[in-house]
N, C-alpha and C. Protein backbone atom coordinates (compact mmCIF):
# COMPACT_ATOMS: atom_id res chain seq x y z
N UNK A 1 -14.08 10.83 -2.45
CA UNK A 1 -13.92 9.40 -2.24
C UNK A 1 -13.21 9.13 -0.91
N UNK A 2 -12.59 10.12 -0.34
CA UNK A 2 -11.90 9.94 0.94
C UNK A 2 -12.85 9.43 2.02
N UNK A 3 -14.06 9.97 2.03
CA UNK A 3 -15.03 9.52 3.04
C UNK A 3 -15.35 8.04 2.89
N UNK A 4 -15.47 7.60 1.64
CA UNK A 4 -15.78 6.20 1.38
C UNK A 4 -14.64 5.29 1.83
N UNK A 5 -13.42 5.73 1.57
CA UNK A 5 -12.23 4.96 2.00
C UNK A 5 -12.19 4.89 3.53
N UNK A 6 -12.44 6.01 4.18
CA UNK A 6 -12.45 6.03 5.64
C UNK A 6 -13.56 5.14 6.19
N UNK A 7 -14.74 5.23 5.59
CA UNK A 7 -15.87 4.42 6.05
C UNK A 7 -15.59 2.93 5.93
N UNK A 8 -14.82 2.55 4.92
CA UNK A 8 -14.47 1.14 4.72
C UNK A 8 -13.26 0.73 5.55
N UNK A 9 -12.74 1.66 6.36
CA UNK A 9 -11.53 1.41 7.15
C UNK A 9 -10.41 0.92 6.25
N UNK A 10 -10.24 1.64 5.12
CA UNK A 10 -9.30 1.20 4.09
C UNK A 10 -8.22 2.23 3.79
N UNK A 11 -7.84 3.03 4.77
CA UNK A 11 -6.81 4.04 4.58
C UNK A 11 -5.43 3.39 4.66
N UNK A 12 -4.73 3.38 3.55
CA UNK A 12 -3.40 2.76 3.52
C UNK A 12 -2.31 3.76 3.91
N UNK A 13 -2.47 5.01 3.52
CA UNK A 13 -1.41 6.00 3.73
C UNK A 13 -1.04 6.19 5.19
N UNK A 14 -2.01 6.07 6.08
CA UNK A 14 -1.71 6.28 7.50
C UNK A 14 -0.75 5.23 8.04
N UNK A 15 -0.59 4.13 7.33
CA UNK A 15 0.30 3.05 7.77
C UNK A 15 1.69 3.15 7.14
N UNK A 16 1.91 4.19 6.36
CA UNK A 16 3.18 4.32 5.65
C UNK A 16 4.15 5.29 6.32
N UNK A 17 3.86 5.70 7.51
CA UNK A 17 4.77 6.60 8.22
C UNK A 17 5.97 5.81 8.72
N UNK A 18 7.09 6.47 8.78
CA UNK A 18 8.28 5.84 9.33
C UNK A 18 9.02 4.91 8.38
N UNK A 19 8.62 4.87 7.12
CA UNK A 19 9.34 4.03 6.17
C UNK A 19 10.68 4.67 5.84
N UNK A 20 11.70 3.87 5.74
CA UNK A 20 13.00 4.42 5.39
C UNK A 20 13.14 4.47 3.87
N UNK A 21 13.89 5.46 3.42
CA UNK A 21 14.13 5.63 1.98
C UNK A 21 15.54 5.17 1.65
N UNK A 22 15.72 4.62 0.46
CA UNK A 22 17.09 4.33 0.02
C UNK A 22 17.88 5.64 -0.05
N UNK A 23 19.11 5.59 0.36
CA UNK A 23 19.97 6.78 0.36
C UNK A 23 20.69 6.91 -0.97
N UNK A 24 20.95 8.13 -1.37
CA UNK A 24 21.62 8.39 -2.64
C UNK A 24 22.99 7.74 -2.72
N UNK A 25 23.67 7.63 -1.58
CA UNK A 25 25.03 7.08 -1.61
C UNK A 25 25.05 5.54 -1.55
N UNK A 26 23.89 4.90 -1.49
CA UNK A 26 23.83 3.45 -1.51
C UNK A 26 24.07 2.94 -2.92
N UNK A 27 24.59 1.75 -3.02
CA UNK A 27 24.75 1.12 -4.33
C UNK A 27 23.37 0.76 -4.86
N UNK A 28 23.27 0.58 -6.16
CA UNK A 28 21.99 0.18 -6.75
C UNK A 28 21.52 -1.15 -6.16
N UNK A 29 22.44 -2.04 -5.92
CA UNK A 29 22.09 -3.35 -5.35
C UNK A 29 21.48 -3.19 -3.96
N UNK A 30 22.09 -2.34 -3.14
CA UNK A 30 21.58 -2.12 -1.79
C UNK A 30 20.20 -1.46 -1.85
N UNK A 31 20.01 -0.52 -2.77
CA UNK A 31 18.71 0.12 -2.93
C UNK A 31 17.65 -0.89 -3.32
N UNK A 32 17.98 -1.76 -4.27
CA UNK A 32 17.02 -2.77 -4.73
C UNK A 32 16.66 -3.73 -3.60
N UNK A 33 17.63 -4.12 -2.81
CA UNK A 33 17.36 -5.02 -1.68
C UNK A 33 16.45 -4.36 -0.66
N UNK A 34 16.67 -3.06 -0.40
CA UNK A 34 15.84 -2.33 0.56
C UNK A 34 14.41 -2.20 0.03
N UNK A 35 14.27 -1.91 -1.26
CA UNK A 35 12.95 -1.79 -1.87
C UNK A 35 12.22 -3.13 -1.85
N UNK A 36 12.93 -4.19 -2.18
CA UNK A 36 12.33 -5.53 -2.17
C UNK A 36 11.87 -5.91 -0.77
N UNK A 37 12.69 -5.61 0.22
CA UNK A 37 12.33 -5.92 1.61
C UNK A 37 11.07 -5.16 2.01
N UNK A 38 11.01 -3.88 1.65
CA UNK A 38 9.85 -3.06 1.97
C UNK A 38 8.60 -3.59 1.25
N UNK A 39 8.76 -3.96 -0.01
CA UNK A 39 7.65 -4.51 -0.78
C UNK A 39 7.12 -5.79 -0.13
N UNK A 40 8.02 -6.67 0.24
CA UNK A 40 7.62 -7.93 0.88
C UNK A 40 6.89 -7.66 2.19
N UNK A 41 7.38 -6.71 2.96
CA UNK A 41 6.75 -6.39 4.23
C UNK A 41 5.34 -5.83 4.02
N UNK A 42 5.20 -4.87 3.10
CA UNK A 42 3.91 -4.23 2.87
C UNK A 42 2.92 -5.17 2.19
N UNK A 43 3.42 -6.16 1.47
CA UNK A 43 2.56 -7.11 0.75
C UNK A 43 2.08 -8.26 1.63
N UNK A 44 2.66 -8.42 2.79
CA UNK A 44 2.25 -9.49 3.69
C UNK A 44 0.76 -9.30 4.00
N UNK A 45 -0.06 -10.32 3.78
CA UNK A 45 -1.51 -10.20 4.00
C UNK A 45 -1.88 -9.75 5.42
N UNK A 46 -0.98 -9.89 6.36
CA UNK A 46 -1.24 -9.49 7.74
C UNK A 46 -0.84 -8.04 8.02
N UNK A 47 -0.14 -7.40 7.05
CA UNK A 47 0.31 -6.03 7.24
C UNK A 47 -0.88 -5.08 7.06
N UNK A 48 -0.97 -4.02 7.87
CA UNK A 48 -2.08 -3.08 7.76
C UNK A 48 -2.25 -2.46 6.36
N UNK A 49 -1.17 -2.26 5.63
CA UNK A 49 -1.28 -1.69 4.28
C UNK A 49 -1.97 -2.69 3.35
N UNK A 50 -1.55 -3.93 3.40
CA UNK A 50 -2.17 -4.96 2.56
C UNK A 50 -3.64 -5.14 2.91
N UNK A 51 -3.95 -5.09 4.18
CA UNK A 51 -5.34 -5.22 4.62
C UNK A 51 -6.16 -4.04 4.10
N UNK A 52 -5.62 -2.83 4.22
CA UNK A 52 -6.33 -1.64 3.73
C UNK A 52 -6.54 -1.70 2.23
N UNK A 53 -5.53 -2.13 1.49
CA UNK A 53 -5.66 -2.22 0.03
C UNK A 53 -6.74 -3.23 -0.35
N UNK A 54 -6.84 -4.30 0.38
CA UNK A 54 -7.88 -5.30 0.09
C UNK A 54 -9.25 -4.72 0.42
N UNK A 55 -9.35 -4.00 1.52
CA UNK A 55 -10.62 -3.39 1.90
C UNK A 55 -11.07 -2.34 0.89
N UNK A 56 -10.12 -1.69 0.23
CA UNK A 56 -10.48 -0.68 -0.76
C UNK A 56 -11.30 -1.28 -1.90
N UNK A 57 -11.15 -2.55 -2.12
CA UNK A 57 -11.90 -3.22 -3.18
C UNK A 57 -13.40 -3.29 -2.88
N UNK A 58 -13.79 -2.93 -1.67
CA UNK A 58 -15.21 -2.90 -1.33
C UNK A 58 -15.84 -1.54 -1.63
N UNK A 59 -15.02 -0.56 -1.97
CA UNK A 59 -15.51 0.79 -2.25
C UNK A 59 -15.90 0.87 -3.73
N UNK A 60 -17.12 1.28 -3.97
CA UNK A 60 -17.67 1.32 -5.33
C UNK A 60 -16.76 2.05 -6.31
N UNK A 61 -16.29 3.24 -5.94
CA UNK A 61 -15.46 4.04 -6.83
C UNK A 61 -14.14 3.34 -7.15
N UNK A 62 -13.56 2.69 -6.17
CA UNK A 62 -12.32 1.95 -6.39
C UNK A 62 -12.57 0.79 -7.33
N UNK A 63 -13.67 0.10 -7.15
CA UNK A 63 -14.00 -1.03 -8.03
C UNK A 63 -14.15 -0.56 -9.46
N UNK A 64 -14.75 0.61 -9.67
CA UNK A 64 -14.89 1.16 -11.02
C UNK A 64 -13.52 1.48 -11.60
N UNK A 65 -12.70 2.17 -10.85
CA UNK A 65 -11.36 2.55 -11.32
C UNK A 65 -10.53 1.33 -11.64
N UNK A 66 -10.59 0.33 -10.80
CA UNK A 66 -9.81 -0.89 -10.97
C UNK A 66 -10.41 -1.83 -12.02
N UNK A 67 -11.60 -1.52 -12.50
CA UNK A 67 -12.26 -2.37 -13.49
C UNK A 67 -12.73 -3.69 -12.91
N UNK A 68 -13.08 -3.69 -11.65
CA UNK A 68 -13.50 -4.93 -10.97
C UNK A 68 -14.97 -5.27 -11.18
N UNK A 69 -15.74 -4.32 -11.69
CA UNK A 69 -17.17 -4.56 -11.88
C UNK A 69 -17.54 -4.64 -13.36
N UNK A 70 -16.63 -5.08 -14.18
CA UNK A 70 -16.92 -5.16 -15.61
C UNK A 70 -17.67 -6.44 -15.92
């Protein structure tokens, strides 16, 4: 299925480089804020990850897995 994802220009993983991870010594609150910020950034419809995830819905195998063609 990798070829189909590439053909649809829907590779999300290549856009996930350089993400920072919450540190073990951070408080739970600080970790949650960092995760929420990252989620908001990646979910922005203009972000390459969000665009790739939307494009994946055009791939037949993804549509089957996601139950989009029922």
